[in-house]
Amino acid sequence: MRIGHGIDVHRFSDDTTRELRLGLVRIDGATGLAGHSDADVATHALIDALLGGANLGDIGRHFPDSDPQFAGVASRTMLIEALHRVALAGFRPISADVTIIAERPKMSPYMAAMSEELSVVLGCVVSVKATTAEGLGALGRVEGIAATAVALLEELS
């Protein structure tokens, strides 16, 4: 078995029409995050955890923000591709845990849907939790959102 850990942080976009997606779920009435792709920090942290557990590096190595083909790409697409690369390396996820760090919007109405969406794609249980930064630092000032993730992988037989 292998464990991977991931973290991602994005600031809020200046484009107020950009939608917010977290854990593959659209968050209603919230400004999206700035990024080359859809900036889904929860899914990006999970991708990093999966890639790390398989010793494949990080999301930037596989989906660089300098590559125009990834401009605006959906994190679901990146997650599916990351899982494919993890499988090629001889591993599959058996459990994952994601924590979103945000003052707002409130995550509680969306966490079950995030867990369900991510679990379906991974083929295993993905727990999703949320916390705040208690008003401290850039996250506490509501300048952006961060997420961490841990994934447990097992070697394919």
Protein backbone atom coordinates (compact mmCIF):
# COMPACT_ATOMS: atom_id res chain seq x y z
CA MET A 1 0.00 0.00 0.00
CA ARG A 2 1.00 3.59 -0.59
CA ILE A 3 -0.19 6.92 0.79
CA GLY A 4 -0.19 10.16 -1.16
CA HIS A 5 -0.82 13.68 0.09
CA GLY A 6 -1.90 16.72 -1.90
CA ILE A 7 -2.56 20.40 -1.35
CA ASP A 8 -3.85 23.14 -3.63
CA VAL A 9 -4.67 26.84 -3.18
CA HIS A 10 -6.32 29.27 -5.59
CA ARG A 11 -7.34 32.89 -5.14
CA PHE A 12 -10.80 34.07 -6.09
CA SER A 13 -11.10 35.24 -9.69
CA ASP A 14 -11.61 38.89 -10.59
CA ASP A 15 -14.11 37.58 -13.15
CA THR A 16 -17.34 37.46 -11.17
CA THR A 17 -19.01 35.39 -13.93
CA ARG A 18 -16.57 32.49 -13.40
CA GLU A 19 -18.36 29.63 -11.64
CA LEU A 20 -17.00 27.94 -8.53
CA ARG A 21 -16.46 24.20 -8.72
CA LEU A 22 -15.25 22.18 -5.76
CA GLY A 23 -15.05 18.40 -5.58
CA LEU A 24 -16.58 18.21 -9.08
CA VAL A 25 -19.69 20.07 -7.87
CA ARG A 26 -20.89 23.54 -8.95
CA ILE A 27 -21.30 25.85 -5.95
CA ASP A 28 -24.27 28.16 -6.54
CA GLY A 29 -23.98 31.92 -6.14
CA ALA A 30 -20.22 32.00 -5.51
CA THR A 31 -17.44 33.57 -7.55
CA GLY A 32 -15.06 31.05 -9.04
CA LEU A 33 -11.38 30.65 -8.41
CA ALA A 34 -8.62 31.93 -10.70
CA GLY A 35 -6.67 29.29 -12.54
CA HIS A 36 -5.62 27.86 -15.88
CA SER A 37 -8.16 25.03 -15.61
CA ASP A 38 -11.49 25.23 -13.74
CA ALA A 39 -9.44 25.76 -10.52
CA ASP A 40 -11.26 23.07 -8.50
CA VAL A 41 -8.87 23.07 -5.51
CA ALA A 42 -10.49 20.04 -3.86
CA THR A 43 -10.11 17.85 -6.95
CA HIS A 44 -6.62 19.21 -7.64
CA ALA A 45 -5.47 18.30 -4.13
CA LEU A 46 -6.92 14.82 -4.65
CA ILE A 47 -5.12 14.47 -7.98
CA ASP A 48 -1.84 15.42 -6.30
CA ALA A 49 -2.47 12.83 -3.56
CA LEU A 50 -3.16 10.10 -6.14
CA LEU A 51 -0.13 10.97 -8.25
CA GLY A 52 2.09 11.27 -5.17
CA GLY A 53 1.02 7.88 -3.85
CA ALA A 54 2.00 6.31 -7.16
CA ASN A 55 5.32 8.23 -7.19
CA LEU A 56 4.29 10.10 -10.34
CA GLY A 57 5.05 13.63 -9.21
CA ASP A 58 2.43 16.35 -9.05
CA ILE A 59 -0.41 17.84 -11.03
CA GLY A 60 1.87 20.48 -12.58
CA ARG A 61 4.04 17.79 -14.16
CA HIS A 62 1.07 16.13 -15.86
CA PHE A 63 -1.18 19.13 -16.54
CA PRO A 64 1.12 22.18 -16.76
CA ASP A 65 -0.49 25.62 -16.72
CA SER A 66 1.91 26.59 -19.51
CA ASP A 67 0.18 24.14 -21.90
CA PRO A 68 -2.73 25.74 -23.79
CA GLN A 69 -4.51 22.37 -24.14
CA PHE A 70 -5.34 22.53 -20.43
CA ALA A 71 -6.82 26.05 -20.52
CA GLY A 72 -10.26 25.82 -18.94
CA VAL A 73 -10.13 22.01 -18.72
CA ALA A 74 -12.57 20.40 -16.32
CA SER A 75 -10.99 18.87 -13.24
CA ARG A 76 -13.10 15.75 -13.83
CA THR A 77 -11.13 15.22 -17.06
CA MET A 78 -7.83 15.67 -15.24
CA LEU A 79 -8.91 13.33 -12.43
CA ILE A 80 -9.88 10.58 -14.87
CA GLU A 81 -6.56 10.95 -16.69
CA ALA A 82 -4.63 10.95 -13.39
CA LEU A 83 -6.40 7.71 -12.37
CA HIS A 84 -5.40 6.19 -15.71
CA ARG A 85 -1.76 7.12 -15.09
CA VAL A 86 -1.94 5.75 -11.54
CA ALA A 87 -3.29 2.45 -12.94
CA LEU A 88 -0.51 2.32 -15.54
CA ALA A 89 1.94 2.67 -12.64
CA GLY A 90 0.31 -0.40 -11.07
CA PHE A 91 -1.95 1.11 -8.40
CA ARG A 92 -5.58 1.84 -7.63
CA PRO A 93 -7.16 4.00 -4.93
CA ILE A 94 -8.93 2.28 -2.06
CA SER A 95 -9.76 5.33 0.06
CA ALA A 96 -9.34 9.10 0.01
CA ASP A 97 -10.03 12.04 2.29
CA VAL A 98 -10.33 15.70 1.24
CA THR A 99 -10.48 18.80 3.47
CA ILE A 100 -11.55 22.17 2.04
CA ILE A 101 -10.38 25.30 3.87
CA ALA A 102 -12.64 28.29 3.21
CA GLU A 103 -14.35 31.04 5.16
CA ARG A 104 -17.09 31.15 2.55
CA PRO A 105 -19.13 29.99 0.84
CA LYS A 106 -20.52 27.51 3.35
CA MET A 107 -19.59 23.99 2.27
CA SER A 108 -22.08 21.94 4.29
CA PRO A 109 -24.84 21.98 1.65
CA TYR A 110 -22.42 20.55 -0.94
CA MET A 111 -20.16 18.09 0.89
CA ALA A 112 -22.33 15.00 0.39
CA ALA A 113 -22.58 15.69 -3.35
CA MET A 114 -18.80 16.24 -3.55
CA SER A 115 -18.17 12.97 -1.73
CA GLU A 116 -20.56 11.15 -4.05
CA GLU A 117 -19.12 12.61 -7.27
CA LEU A 118 -15.51 11.97 -6.29
CA SER A 119 -16.32 8.47 -4.99
CA VAL A 120 -17.98 7.50 -8.27
CA VAL A 121 -14.98 8.62 -10.31
CA LEU A 122 -12.41 6.97 -7.99
CA GLY A 123 -14.41 3.79 -7.42
CA CYS A 124 -13.88 4.01 -3.66
CA VAL A 125 -15.06 6.10 -0.74
CA VAL A 126 -13.87 9.71 -0.79
CA SER A 127 -14.65 11.60 2.40
CA VAL A 128 -15.06 15.37 2.06
CA LYS A 129 -14.83 17.75 5.02
CA ALA A 130 -14.53 21.50 5.42
CA THR A 131 -13.06 23.92 7.90
CA THR A 132 -12.29 27.63 8.10
CA ALA A 133 -9.05 29.49 8.68
CA GLU A 134 -10.70 31.27 11.66
CA GLY A 135 -10.12 34.64 9.99
CA LEU A 136 -6.35 34.18 9.82
CA GLY A 137 -4.18 34.96 6.79
CA ALA A 138 -5.19 35.17 3.13
CA LEU A 139 -7.74 32.37 3.47
CA GLY A 140 -9.22 34.04 6.53
CA ARG A 141 -9.52 37.30 4.62
CA VAL A 142 -11.52 35.37 1.97
CA GLU A 143 -8.88 35.89 -0.72
CA GLY A 144 -9.14 32.27 -1.86
CA ILE A 145 -9.79 28.64 -1.01
CA ALA A 146 -7.39 25.80 -0.19
CA ALA A 147 -7.76 22.04 0.05
CA THR A 148 -5.71 19.11 1.25
CA ALA A 149 -6.17 15.45 0.40
CA VAL A 150 -4.83 12.06 1.35
CA ALA A 151 -5.23 8.95 -0.80
CA LEU A 152 -4.52 5.32 0.04
CA LEU A 153 -3.46 3.23 -2.94
CA GLU A 154 -2.95 -0.49 -3.28
CA GLU A 155 -0.82 -2.31 -5.79
CA LEU A 156 -2.74 -4.00 -8.59
CA SER A 157 -2.32 -7.76 -8.69
